[in-house]
Amino acid sequence: MADIAGYGERDPQHLCVCISNEVKPVPDIGRSRDEVHAEHVAFLQDLFDRGILFGSGPQVEDTGTRHGGAVYILQGVSLAEANEILAQEPNIRESLRDKDVHPWRRMWFGG
């Protein structure tokens, strides 16, 4: 297999991918969405600063159409740890979004 282009050029990465979707109907949590969003941004910044957050972003098409959720990719943690960490994400913690966490083996192809 070593002679196949792109095979074995780099070691694969083991990551965890979370797909988070808005919960309908939106529960009344007694707090403003702006307050929860500020906590969400601080939460993600902390994960990034600790080297855990590989990437994140809203589910948005290039046309700007939103799909009501977000994707988070975590690195350097087990699936169980990822579930524990993401249970503390403010939108998930407040039951404004659900979460579905998957292990992902990122492969490298090409140079």
Protein backbone atom coordinates (compact mmCIF):
# COMPACT_ATOMS: atom_id res chain seq x y z
CA MET A 1 0.00 0.00 0.00
CA ALA A 2 2.94 2.37 0.49
CA ASP A 3 3.08 2.97 -3.27
CA ILE A 4 -0.48 4.35 -3.38
CA ALA A 5 -0.44 8.16 -3.60
CA GLY A 6 -1.49 9.78 -0.34
CA TYR A 7 -1.31 6.60 1.72
CA GLY A 8 0.76 6.80 4.88
CA GLU A 9 2.13 10.27 4.23
CA ARG A 10 0.91 11.43 7.61
CA ASP A 11 -0.53 9.71 10.63
CA PRO A 12 -4.30 9.92 10.94
CA GLN A 13 -5.79 12.13 13.65
CA HIS A 14 -8.38 10.84 16.09
CA LEU A 15 -10.94 13.56 16.75
CA CYS A 16 -14.48 13.88 18.08
CA VAL A 17 -17.17 15.61 16.04
CA CYS A 18 -20.30 17.01 17.67
CA ILE A 19 -23.34 17.99 15.65
CA SER A 20 -25.63 20.17 17.69
CA ASN A 21 -29.16 21.11 16.63
CA GLU A 22 -31.69 23.55 18.04
CA VAL A 23 -34.37 22.02 20.22
CA LYS A 24 -37.96 22.73 19.13
CA PRO A 25 -39.99 24.13 20.71
CA VAL A 26 -37.39 26.40 22.30
CA PRO A 27 -37.58 25.96 26.07
CA ASP A 28 -38.07 28.98 28.32
CA ILE A 29 -34.86 29.10 30.34
CA GLY A 30 -35.47 32.44 32.04
CA ARG A 31 -32.33 33.96 30.51
CA SER A 32 -31.66 35.94 27.37
CA ARG A 33 -30.22 34.25 24.29
CA ASP A 34 -27.55 37.00 24.22
CA GLU A 35 -26.36 35.99 27.69
CA VAL A 36 -26.17 32.32 26.70
CA HIS A 37 -24.39 33.25 23.46
CA ALA A 38 -21.75 35.25 25.38
CA GLU A 39 -21.14 32.19 27.58
CA HIS A 40 -20.97 30.01 24.44
CA VAL A 41 -18.25 32.21 22.91
CA ALA A 42 -16.25 32.22 26.17
CA PHE A 43 -16.64 28.42 26.43
CA LEU A 44 -15.29 27.87 22.91
CA GLN A 45 -12.43 30.34 23.46
CA ASP A 46 -11.42 28.41 26.59
CA LEU A 47 -11.44 25.10 24.68
CA PHE A 48 -9.35 26.69 21.92
CA ASP A 49 -6.89 28.18 24.41
CA ARG A 50 -6.47 24.73 26.02
CA GLY A 51 -5.78 23.13 22.63
CA ILE A 52 -8.98 21.05 22.66
CA LEU A 53 -11.05 22.88 20.03
CA PHE A 54 -9.89 21.91 16.53
CA GLY A 55 -12.68 23.87 14.87
CA SER A 56 -16.29 24.96 15.22
CA GLY A 57 -18.98 26.88 13.43
CA PRO A 58 -22.65 27.22 12.69
CA GLN A 59 -24.51 25.01 10.24
CA VAL A 60 -24.78 27.60 7.46
CA GLU A 61 -24.88 27.19 3.69
CA ASP A 62 -22.81 29.46 1.44
CA THR A 63 -26.08 31.26 0.65
CA GLY A 64 -26.39 32.23 4.32
CA THR A 65 -29.23 29.81 5.02
CA ARG A 66 -28.89 28.63 8.62
CA HIS A 67 -29.77 25.13 9.72
CA GLY A 68 -30.19 25.92 13.40
CA GLY A 69 -27.19 24.31 14.96
CA ALA A 70 -23.45 24.03 15.11
CA VAL A 71 -20.55 21.64 14.59
CA TYR A 72 -17.70 21.27 17.08
CA ILE A 73 -14.54 19.26 16.44
CA LEU A 74 -12.45 18.36 19.48
CA GLN A 75 -8.93 16.96 19.55
CA GLY A 76 -6.85 15.20 22.18
CA VAL A 77 -9.84 13.84 24.09
CA SER A 78 -11.63 10.50 24.21
CA LEU A 79 -15.23 10.09 23.11
CA ALA A 80 -16.33 9.95 26.77
CA GLU A 81 -14.37 13.13 27.56
CA ALA A 82 -15.84 14.88 24.52
CA ASN A 83 -19.36 14.02 25.70
CA GLU A 84 -18.57 15.38 29.18
CA ILE A 85 -17.04 18.57 27.81
CA LEU A 86 -19.84 19.26 25.34
CA ALA A 87 -22.51 18.65 27.98
CA GLN A 88 -21.16 21.88 29.52
CA GLU A 89 -21.51 23.94 26.31
CA PRO A 90 -24.01 26.65 27.35
CA ASN A 91 -26.62 26.00 24.62
CA ILE A 92 -26.49 22.26 25.29
CA ARG A 93 -26.39 22.69 29.08
CA GLU A 94 -29.48 24.95 28.93
CA SER A 95 -31.30 22.40 26.68
CA LEU A 96 -31.48 24.91 23.79
CA ARG A 97 -29.58 22.42 21.61
CA ASP A 98 -29.10 18.67 21.63
CA LYS A 99 -25.80 16.96 20.89
CA ASP A 100 -24.67 13.95 18.91
CA VAL A 101 -20.97 13.17 19.36
CA HIS A 102 -19.03 10.84 17.06
CA PRO A 103 -15.44 9.64 16.95
CA TRP A 104 -13.72 10.59 13.70
CA ARG A 105 -10.47 9.41 12.23
CA ARG A 106 -9.23 12.21 10.00
CA MET A 107 -7.15 10.83 7.14
CA TRP A 108 -4.57 12.73 5.15
CA PHE A 109 -4.35 12.57 1.41
CA GLY A 110 -1.93 14.37 -0.85
CA GLY A 111 0.92 16.68 0.12
